Amino acid sequence: MSAPVLEVTTQVAAAVDAPETAWGDRFAERTRRVTSSAIRELLKLTERPDVISFAGGLPAPEVFPLEQIQAAARRVLEDDGAKALQYSTTEGDPGLRELLVRHMERYGIRVGIENILITTGAQQALDLIAKLLLNPGDRVGMEAPTYLGAIQAFSAFEAQFLTVSMDDDGMRLDELEAVLRSGPKFLYVLPNFQNPSGVTLSLARRRRLVELAAHYGVPLVEDDPYGQLRYEGEHLPPLVVLDAEYHGCAQGERSLHGDVIYLGTLSKTLAPGLRIGYIVAPAEVIRRAVQLKQSADLHSSTLTQRIAAETARGGFLDRHVRLIRAVYGARRDAMLEACGRHFPPGVHWTHPQGGLFLWATLPAGVDTTELLKDALAQNVAFVPGAPFFPRGGGQNTMRLNFSHATPALIEEGIRRLGAVLARRLGS
């Protein structure tokens, strides 16, 4: 192994498994369940310009609406700068919440601003959901694999995990009922272009999921950061909409008549640095979440909320999403085509209809954590799949991000990775 690669892998291990000092005995017991994100530590170490990284879930900076955000910031500061720099309400800026109400209605989600809480990124939304619903030892149902940030958020509040495996149509419902009978506090689901797998839950399974969850009285937490980023196929209704239909919500009525909490974000459609996420839930849930958020940070940034609302108004958000779809769709196509050319027999990968990721599965017995060392020696990076499985497994899987690299870099990076795979598999 070359010295640079040895240094990278050693630093990742040190960051994740750093020894405790005398402070270790002073930390709360629950912190023993909390670990560093292997992904975020890896990202720090793959920022060298010579590394082609498929490791992050990063939007492409070239599609950030820089000029529009600059102009919006100028208008906000010139027109209402004193209020934009002042403390504000915990629920969030009314103008931004009203914009989100209008925007979500285009996807069938009908709510009022009293049903929306603005959070500091969708990650804070997950943290608030955990604080709100979980007691130590409570069970949480989730897909396997699933979003690593959710595993971290729920682990911090001492959750136990029940998992349902996936296929090309999403969560396998033949396994779901056993999980629901086990009495989870809620079921966490990413129906659209799931992170990490890129898989979309089919319409038939969405309907059945809603029926089963209602039958067993298990709430659903629907995380939808990528739902607007569809590159092929037809839009599928969110679980929160299907749940409203199941509970007899008439056309045009509010969507929140059942047991679904919906999470969204502007990180994938405007810019992640704005750190704007949101919880959509019945007013009772929002009131309690507001109390918890007050103890955390009082409210999310007034200034960035005002800037986001000013940037997105007048239909700009819809137009910008169309641009993102075009750029990312081309990059997804480039990665799928490159995988077809360069990956050896025995490697299988998903065909995401949208989102930011595809998921590759290698033959049993191949450990992608070990494989990463060989890949880094060729200056290409990915995320090993094991951390996305809350109950273990997935050693022969990997996540590949296609949104951040240009088609040319995708071609070269997949070529390098394919050569690494061929050597490891003896192809």
Protein backbone atom coordinates (compact mmCIF):
# COMPACT_ATOMS: atom_id res chain seq x y z
CA MET A 1 0.00 0.00 0.00
CA SER A 2 1.35 3.42 -0.92
CA ALA A 3 2.14 5.93 1.80
CA PRO A 4 -0.67 8.40 0.90
CA VAL A 5 -3.27 5.64 0.98
CA LEU A 6 -1.93 4.24 4.24
CA GLU A 7 -2.15 7.74 5.71
CA VAL A 8 -5.75 8.17 4.53
CA THR A 9 -6.99 4.83 5.83
CA THR A 10 -5.12 5.27 9.11
CA GLN A 11 -6.66 8.70 9.61
CA VAL A 12 -10.16 7.37 8.92
CA ALA A 13 -9.67 4.64 11.49
CA ALA A 14 -8.26 7.11 14.00
CA ALA A 15 -11.13 9.55 13.48
CA VAL A 16 -13.76 6.87 13.98
CA ASP A 17 -12.09 4.90 16.78
CA ALA A 18 -10.15 7.55 18.67
CA PRO A 19 -9.20 6.44 22.23
CA GLU A 20 -10.99 8.13 25.12
CA THR A 21 -9.20 10.37 27.61
CA ALA A 22 -10.10 11.05 31.24
CA TRP A 23 -13.20 12.79 29.92
CA GLY A 24 -14.58 9.41 28.83
CA ASP A 25 -15.97 8.66 32.29
CA ARG A 26 -17.82 11.97 32.37
CA PHE A 27 -19.87 11.59 29.22
CA ALA A 28 -23.52 10.57 29.43
CA GLU A 29 -24.11 6.86 29.00
CA ARG A 30 -26.05 7.38 25.76
CA THR A 31 -22.95 8.81 24.05
CA ARG A 32 -21.45 5.33 24.01
CA ARG A 33 -23.89 4.50 21.22
CA VAL A 34 -22.85 7.52 19.15
CA THR A 35 -20.00 7.17 16.65
CA SER A 36 -18.51 9.44 14.04
CA SER A 37 -19.88 9.17 10.52
CA ALA A 38 -17.39 7.16 8.51
CA ILE A 39 -18.65 9.01 5.45
CA ARG A 40 -18.01 12.49 6.81
CA GLU A 41 -14.57 11.48 8.04
CA LEU A 42 -13.79 9.97 4.65
CA LEU A 43 -14.91 13.14 2.88
CA LYS A 44 -12.31 15.14 4.79
CA LEU A 45 -9.62 12.86 3.47
CA THR A 46 -10.69 12.64 -0.16
CA GLU A 47 -10.62 16.36 -0.91
CA ARG A 48 -7.24 16.06 -2.58
CA PRO A 49 -7.60 17.35 -6.15
CA ASP A 50 -6.20 14.12 -7.57
CA VAL A 51 -8.95 11.97 -6.01
CA ILE A 52 -12.13 11.34 -8.01
CA SER A 53 -14.65 10.99 -5.22
CA PHE A 54 -17.99 9.23 -5.46
CA ALA A 55 -18.11 9.19 -1.66
CA GLY A 56 -20.20 12.21 -0.71
CA GLY A 57 -23.85 13.01 -1.17
CA LEU A 58 -22.85 16.43 -2.42
CA PRO A 59 -24.87 18.59 -4.79
CA ALA A 60 -22.89 20.00 -7.70
CA PRO A 61 -21.63 23.49 -6.81
CA GLU A 62 -21.91 24.60 -10.43
CA VAL A 63 -25.72 24.40 -10.18
CA PHE A 64 -25.91 26.53 -7.05
CA PRO A 65 -27.96 29.66 -7.89
CA LEU A 66 -25.18 31.98 -6.77
CA GLU A 67 -26.30 35.10 -8.61
CA GLN A 68 -29.91 34.70 -7.50
CA ILE A 69 -28.91 34.17 -3.87
CA GLN A 70 -26.60 37.20 -3.99
CA ALA A 71 -29.40 39.35 -5.38
CA ALA A 72 -31.89 37.98 -2.85
CA ALA A 73 -29.52 38.67 0.04
CA ARG A 74 -29.07 42.21 -1.16
CA ARG A 75 -32.83 42.78 -1.38
CA VAL A 76 -33.47 41.26 2.04
CA LEU A 77 -30.83 43.41 3.72
CA GLU A 78 -31.85 46.57 1.90
CA ASP A 79 -35.61 46.16 2.38
CA ASP A 80 -35.84 44.63 5.85
CA GLY A 81 -32.30 44.18 7.15
CA ALA A 82 -33.02 44.90 10.80
CA LYS A 83 -35.68 42.18 11.04
CA ALA A 84 -33.61 39.74 8.99
CA LEU A 85 -30.76 40.07 11.51
CA GLN A 86 -33.02 39.84 14.57
CA TYR A 87 -34.25 36.90 16.63
CA SER A 88 -37.39 35.33 15.20
CA THR A 89 -40.09 32.77 15.96
CA THR A 90 -39.11 29.16 16.50
CA GLU A 91 -41.64 27.89 13.94
CA GLY A 92 -39.81 29.68 11.14
CA ASP A 93 -40.24 32.65 8.85
CA PRO A 94 -43.92 32.91 7.79
CA GLY A 95 -42.97 33.89 4.24
CA LEU A 96 -40.82 30.78 3.82
CA ARG A 97 -43.47 28.52 5.30
CA GLU A 98 -46.12 29.99 3.02
CA LEU A 99 -43.85 29.38 0.03
CA LEU A 100 -43.38 25.76 1.12
CA VAL A 101 -47.16 25.33 1.49
CA ARG A 102 -47.63 26.42 -2.14
CA HIS A 103 -44.70 24.37 -3.39
CA MET A 104 -45.77 21.14 -1.67
CA GLU A 105 -49.32 21.47 -2.96
CA ARG A 106 -47.97 20.85 -6.46
CA TYR A 107 -47.01 17.39 -5.25
CA GLY A 108 -50.38 16.76 -3.61
CA ILE A 109 -49.40 17.69 -0.05
CA ARG A 110 -52.02 20.14 1.27
CA VAL A 111 -51.13 21.73 4.61
CA GLY A 112 -51.09 25.12 6.34
CA ILE A 113 -48.17 27.01 7.79
CA GLU A 114 -49.20 25.76 11.25
CA ASN A 115 -48.16 22.31 10.05
CA ILE A 116 -44.59 23.35 9.18
CA LEU A 117 -41.54 23.77 11.39
CA ILE A 118 -38.35 25.09 9.80
CA THR A 119 -35.24 23.24 11.01
CA THR A 120 -31.51 23.74 10.63
CA GLY A 121 -31.21 21.21 7.85
CA ALA A 122 -33.18 17.98 7.61
CA GLN A 123 -30.64 16.41 9.97
CA GLN A 124 -31.99 18.55 12.80
CA ALA A 125 -35.46 17.39 11.84
CA LEU A 126 -34.36 13.80 12.45
CA ASP A 127 -32.83 14.79 15.78
CA LEU A 128 -36.07 16.50 16.85
CA ILE A 129 -38.15 13.49 15.80
CA ALA A 130 -35.91 11.27 17.92
CA LYS A 131 -36.21 13.61 20.92
CA LEU A 132 -39.95 13.81 20.46
CA LEU A 133 -40.79 10.13 20.06
CA LEU A 134 -38.05 7.90 21.47
CA ASN A 135 -37.51 6.57 24.97
CA PRO A 136 -34.43 4.45 25.70
CA GLY A 137 -34.93 0.99 24.28
CA ASP A 138 -37.77 1.93 21.92
CA ARG A 139 -37.77 0.12 18.61
CA VAL A 140 -37.55 1.88 15.24
CA GLY A 141 -38.38 0.12 12.00
CA MET A 142 -36.32 1.04 8.95
CA GLU A 143 -35.05 -0.19 5.63
CA ALA A 144 -31.72 -2.02 5.39
CA PRO A 145 -29.71 -0.30 4.09
CA THR A 146 -30.85 3.14 5.20
CA TYR A 147 -29.63 6.69 5.65
CA LEU A 148 -26.63 6.80 7.98
CA GLY A 149 -27.65 10.16 9.47
CA ALA A 150 -30.93 8.64 10.66
CA ILE A 151 -29.10 5.73 12.28
CA GLN A 152 -26.91 8.24 14.11
CA ALA A 153 -29.82 10.45 15.19
CA PHE A 154 -31.89 7.57 16.53
CA SER A 155 -28.92 5.81 18.14
CA ALA A 156 -28.20 8.92 20.20
CA PHE A 157 -31.58 8.38 21.90
CA GLU A 158 -30.87 4.69 22.53
CA ALA A 159 -33.20 3.21 19.92
CA GLN A 160 -33.21 -0.45 18.98
CA PHE A 161 -33.51 -1.17 15.27
CA LEU A 162 -35.82 -3.48 13.39
CA THR A 163 -34.94 -3.75 9.71
CA VAL A 164 -36.65 -4.71 6.47
CA SER A 165 -34.53 -5.67 3.48
CA MET A 166 -35.02 -4.18 0.02
CA ASP A 167 -35.23 -5.20 -3.61
CA ASP A 168 -35.61 -3.20 -6.82
CA ASP A 169 -39.12 -2.05 -5.80
CA GLY A 170 -38.08 -0.85 -2.36
CA MET A 171 -38.92 -2.21 1.07
CA ARG A 172 -39.93 -5.89 0.96
CA LEU A 173 -43.45 -6.07 2.32
CA ASP A 174 -43.22 -9.82 2.95
CA GLU A 175 -40.85 -8.90 5.82
CA LEU A 176 -42.63 -5.75 6.95
CA GLU A 177 -45.56 -7.23 8.82
CA ALA A 178 -43.31 -9.14 11.24
CA VAL A 179 -41.53 -5.86 12.03
CA LEU A 180 -44.83 -4.03 12.59
CA ARG A 181 -46.06 -6.79 14.90
CA SER A 182 -42.94 -6.22 17.01
CA GLY A 183 -44.28 -2.82 18.04
CA PRO A 184 -41.88 -0.20 16.68
CA LYS A 185 -42.43 3.37 17.88
CA PHE A 186 -42.39 4.45 14.25
CA LEU A 187 -41.24 3.31 10.82
CA TYR A 188 -38.63 5.46 9.07
CA VAL A 189 -38.88 5.34 5.26
CA LEU A 190 -37.20 7.05 2.28
CA PRO A 191 -39.62 6.21 -0.56
CA ASN A 192 -37.95 8.21 -3.35
CA PHE A 193 -34.48 7.38 -4.74
CA GLN A 194 -33.44 6.11 -1.35
CA ASN A 195 -30.13 6.99 0.25
CA PRO A 196 -28.01 4.87 -0.10
CA SER A 197 -29.59 2.45 -2.59
CA GLY A 198 -31.19 4.82 -5.10
CA VAL A 199 -34.26 2.54 -5.12
CA THR A 200 -37.83 3.90 -5.30
CA LEU A 201 -40.72 2.32 -3.39
CA SER A 202 -43.34 1.23 -5.94
CA LEU A 203 -46.86 2.66 -5.87
CA ALA A 204 -48.41 -0.70 -4.97
CA ARG A 205 -46.04 -1.11 -2.06
CA ARG A 206 -46.65 2.47 -0.92
CA ARG A 207 -50.37 1.80 -0.69
CA ARG A 208 -49.87 -1.47 1.15
CA LEU A 209 -47.34 0.11 3.52
CA VAL A 210 -49.86 2.79 4.47
CA GLU A 211 -52.55 0.15 5.03
CA LEU A 212 -50.32 -2.04 7.20
CA ALA A 213 -49.00 0.87 9.25
CA ALA A 214 -52.54 2.06 9.92
CA HIS A 215 -53.66 -1.46 10.83
CA TYR A 216 -50.90 -1.86 13.40
CA GLY A 217 -51.06 1.75 14.61
CA VAL A 218 -47.44 2.50 13.72
CA PRO A 219 -46.65 6.09 12.61
CA LEU A 220 -44.57 6.67 9.49
CA VAL A 221 -41.69 9.14 9.27
CA GLU A 222 -41.35 9.88 5.56
CA ASP A 223 -37.99 11.40 4.66
CA ASP A 224 -38.08 12.93 1.18
CA PRO A 225 -34.93 14.93 0.40
CA TYR A 226 -34.72 13.79 -3.23
CA GLY A 227 -38.35 13.49 -4.34
CA GLN A 228 -38.19 16.41 -6.79
CA LEU A 229 -35.06 15.05 -8.48
CA ARG A 230 -36.68 12.54 -10.82
CA TYR A 231 -35.00 11.88 -14.19
CA GLU A 232 -37.30 9.22 -15.63
CA GLY A 233 -40.73 7.73 -14.97
CA GLU A 234 -43.82 9.28 -13.44
CA HIS A 235 -44.07 11.10 -10.13
CA LEU A 236 -45.39 8.85 -7.35
CA PRO A 237 -47.58 10.28 -4.58
CA PRO A 238 -45.87 10.74 -1.21
CA LEU A 239 -46.87 8.46 1.65
CA VAL A 240 -48.44 11.41 3.44
CA VAL A 241 -50.83 11.87 0.50
CA LEU A 242 -51.70 8.18 0.26
CA ASP A 243 -52.22 8.09 4.01
CA ALA A 244 -54.69 10.98 3.77
CA GLU A 245 -56.57 9.13 1.01
CA TYR A 246 -56.62 5.95 3.08
CA HIS A 247 -58.18 7.84 5.98
CA GLY A 248 -60.91 9.28 3.77
CA CYS A 249 -59.51 12.76 3.13
CA ALA A 250 -61.63 14.33 0.39
CA GLN A 251 -60.07 15.98 -2.66
CA GLY A 252 -58.77 19.42 -1.67
CA GLU A 253 -58.74 18.75 2.08
CA ARG A 254 -55.66 18.91 4.25
CA SER A 255 -53.28 15.96 3.93
CA LEU A 256 -52.57 15.39 7.62
CA HIS A 257 -55.45 13.17 8.72
CA GLY A 258 -53.39 10.09 9.56
CA ASP A 259 -50.12 9.12 11.17
CA VAL A 260 -47.39 10.40 8.85
CA ILE A 261 -44.67 12.95 9.63
CA TYR A 262 -43.08 14.27 6.43
CA LEU A 263 -39.52 15.66 6.27
CA GLY A 264 -38.13 17.85 3.50
CA THR A 265 -35.15 20.06 2.74
CA LEU A 266 -33.91 22.82 0.45
CA SER A 267 -30.36 21.45 0.53
CA LYS A 268 -30.76 19.50 -2.71
CA THR A 269 -32.77 22.16 -4.58
CA LEU A 270 -31.23 25.51 -3.52
CA ALA A 271 -28.02 24.98 -1.56
CA PRO A 272 -26.96 22.84 1.42
CA GLY A 273 -25.09 25.75 3.02
CA LEU A 274 -28.40 27.48 3.73
CA ARG A 275 -29.14 24.63 6.17
CA ILE A 276 -32.90 24.71 5.74
CA GLY A 277 -35.00 21.65 6.36
CA TYR A 278 -38.58 21.30 7.51
CA ILE A 279 -40.98 19.05 9.38
CA VAL A 280 -44.56 18.73 8.12
CA ALA A 281 -46.89 17.22 10.71
CA PRO A 282 -50.19 17.66 12.53
CA ALA A 283 -50.29 20.88 14.55
CA GLU A 284 -50.06 18.95 17.82
CA VAL A 285 -46.77 17.38 16.73
CA ILE A 286 -45.41 20.72 15.52
CA ARG A 287 -46.22 22.39 18.87
CA ARG A 288 -44.23 19.78 20.77
CA ALA A 289 -41.35 19.86 18.29
CA VAL A 290 -41.23 23.66 18.61
CA GLN A 291 -40.69 23.30 22.36
CA LEU A 292 -37.78 20.93 21.77
CA LYS A 293 -36.24 23.15 19.12
CA GLN A 294 -36.39 26.14 21.47
CA SER A 295 -34.06 24.33 23.85
CA ALA A 296 -31.70 23.45 21.02
CA ASP A 297 -31.18 26.68 19.06
CA LEU A 298 -34.20 28.98 19.64
CA HIS A 299 -34.79 29.09 15.88
CA SER A 300 -33.03 28.54 12.58
CA SER A 301 -31.22 31.48 11.05
CA THR A 302 -33.61 34.35 10.31
CA LEU A 303 -31.31 35.71 7.62
CA THR A 304 -30.92 32.48 5.65
CA GLN A 305 -34.66 31.76 5.85
CA ARG A 306 -35.45 35.21 4.44
CA ILE A 307 -32.83 34.80 1.71
CA ALA A 308 -34.14 31.36 0.77
CA ALA A 309 -37.71 32.62 0.54
CA GLU A 310 -36.67 35.63 -1.52
CA THR A 311 -34.58 33.45 -3.86
CA ALA A 312 -37.30 30.86 -4.39
CA ARG A 313 -40.25 33.16 -4.98
CA GLY A 314 -41.84 33.92 -8.35
CA GLY A 315 -41.48 30.35 -9.61
CA PHE A 316 -37.69 30.38 -9.50
CA LEU A 317 -37.50 27.21 -7.39
CA ASP A 318 -39.47 25.24 -9.98
CA ARG A 319 -37.30 26.53 -12.82
CA HIS A 320 -34.13 25.76 -10.91
CA VAL A 321 -35.25 22.22 -10.11
CA ARG A 322 -35.69 21.62 -13.84
CA LEU A 323 -32.07 22.68 -14.39
CA ILE A 324 -30.85 20.35 -11.64
CA ARG A 325 -32.78 17.45 -13.14
CA ALA A 326 -31.12 17.99 -16.50
CA VAL A 327 -27.61 18.16 -15.06
CA TYR A 328 -27.94 15.27 -12.62
CA GLY A 329 -29.88 13.14 -15.09
CA ALA A 330 -26.99 13.35 -17.54
CA ARG A 331 -24.55 12.41 -14.79
CA ARG A 332 -26.66 9.46 -13.71
CA ASP A 333 -26.73 8.25 -17.31
CA ALA A 334 -22.96 8.67 -17.54
CA MET A 335 -22.40 6.54 -14.44
CA LEU A 336 -24.81 3.81 -15.52
CA GLU A 337 -23.16 3.62 -18.93
CA ALA A 338 -19.66 3.61 -17.40
CA CYS A 339 -20.60 0.83 -14.98
CA GLY A 340 -21.84 -1.21 -17.94
CA ARG A 341 -18.52 -0.73 -19.74
CA HIS A 342 -16.05 -1.12 -16.89
CA PHE A 343 -17.48 -3.23 -14.05
CA PRO A 344 -16.58 -6.93 -14.30
CA PRO A 345 -19.07 -9.82 -14.27
CA GLY A 346 -20.43 -10.57 -10.82
CA VAL A 347 -20.97 -6.90 -9.90
CA HIS A 348 -24.57 -5.67 -9.88
CA TRP A 349 -25.90 -2.16 -9.46
CA THR A 350 -29.21 -0.36 -9.14
CA HIS A 351 -30.80 1.84 -11.81
CA PRO A 352 -32.04 4.89 -9.86
CA GLN A 353 -34.89 6.86 -11.42
CA GLY A 354 -33.67 9.99 -9.62
CA GLY A 355 -31.74 11.23 -6.61
CA LEU A 356 -27.98 11.24 -6.14
CA PHE A 357 -26.82 7.64 -5.72
CA LEU A 358 -26.57 4.18 -7.12
CA TRP A 359 -25.73 1.07 -5.14
CA ALA A 360 -23.40 -1.71 -6.18
CA THR A 361 -23.34 -5.25 -4.82
CA LEU A 362 -20.26 -7.43 -5.19
CA PRO A 363 -19.98 -11.21 -4.83
CA ALA A 364 -20.28 -12.54 -1.29
CA GLY A 365 -16.97 -12.54 0.54
CA VAL A 366 -15.67 -9.27 -0.93
CA ASP A 367 -15.21 -6.63 1.77
CA THR A 368 -15.60 -3.14 0.29
CA THR A 369 -13.89 -1.56 3.30
CA GLU A 370 -10.75 -3.41 2.29
CA LEU A 371 -11.44 -2.70 -1.36
CA LEU A 372 -11.51 1.02 -0.60
CA LYS A 373 -7.79 0.92 0.19
CA ASP A 374 -7.07 -0.39 -3.30
CA ALA A 375 -9.40 2.21 -4.81
CA LEU A 376 -7.73 5.07 -2.96
CA ALA A 377 -4.39 3.85 -4.27
CA GLN A 378 -5.86 4.59 -7.72
CA ASN A 379 -7.19 7.96 -6.51
CA VAL A 380 -10.87 7.03 -6.63
CA ALA A 381 -13.19 6.90 -3.61
CA PHE A 382 -16.58 5.44 -2.73
CA VAL A 383 -18.45 4.68 0.50
CA PRO A 384 -18.41 1.09 1.76
CA GLY A 385 -21.95 -0.16 2.37
CA ALA A 386 -21.68 -1.72 5.83
CA PRO A 387 -22.32 1.49 7.86
CA PHE A 388 -25.78 1.80 6.24
CA PHE A 389 -26.96 -1.44 7.86
CA PRO A 390 -28.00 -0.73 11.47
CA ARG A 391 -27.92 -4.41 12.44
CA GLY A 392 -24.82 -5.42 10.53
CA GLY A 393 -24.19 -6.85 7.08
CA GLY A 394 -23.58 -5.24 3.71
CA GLN A 395 -19.83 -5.80 3.67
CA ASN A 396 -19.96 -6.56 -0.05
CA THR A 397 -21.82 -3.38 -1.02
CA MET A 398 -20.88 0.20 -1.88
CA ARG A 399 -22.58 3.54 -2.50
CA LEU A 400 -21.61 5.68 -5.50
CA ASN A 401 -22.61 9.34 -5.83
CA PHE A 402 -23.04 10.73 -9.35
CA SER A 403 -24.22 14.30 -8.72
CA HIS A 404 -20.91 15.91 -7.81
CA ALA A 405 -18.60 14.77 -10.63
CA THR A 406 -18.76 15.76 -14.29
CA PRO A 407 -19.51 13.05 -16.88
CA ALA A 408 -15.83 13.01 -17.89
CA LEU A 409 -14.69 12.46 -14.31
CA ILE A 410 -17.38 9.83 -13.81
CA GLU A 411 -16.09 7.91 -16.83
CA GLU A 412 -12.50 8.03 -15.61
CA GLY A 413 -13.37 7.25 -11.99
CA ILE A 414 -15.54 4.27 -12.87
CA ARG A 415 -12.82 3.03 -15.24
CA ARG A 416 -10.31 3.11 -12.36
CA LEU A 417 -12.77 1.47 -9.97
CA GLY A 418 -13.63 -1.19 -12.53
CA ALA A 419 -9.96 -2.08 -12.86
CA VAL A 420 -9.69 -2.37 -9.07
CA LEU A 421 -12.75 -4.62 -9.00
CA ALA A 422 -11.45 -6.78 -11.83
CA ARG A 423 -8.17 -7.36 -9.99
CA ARG A 424 -9.96 -8.21 -6.76
CA LEU A 425 -12.40 -10.60 -8.47
CA GLY A 426 -9.75 -12.13 -10.69
CA SER A 427 -11.63 -11.14 -13.84
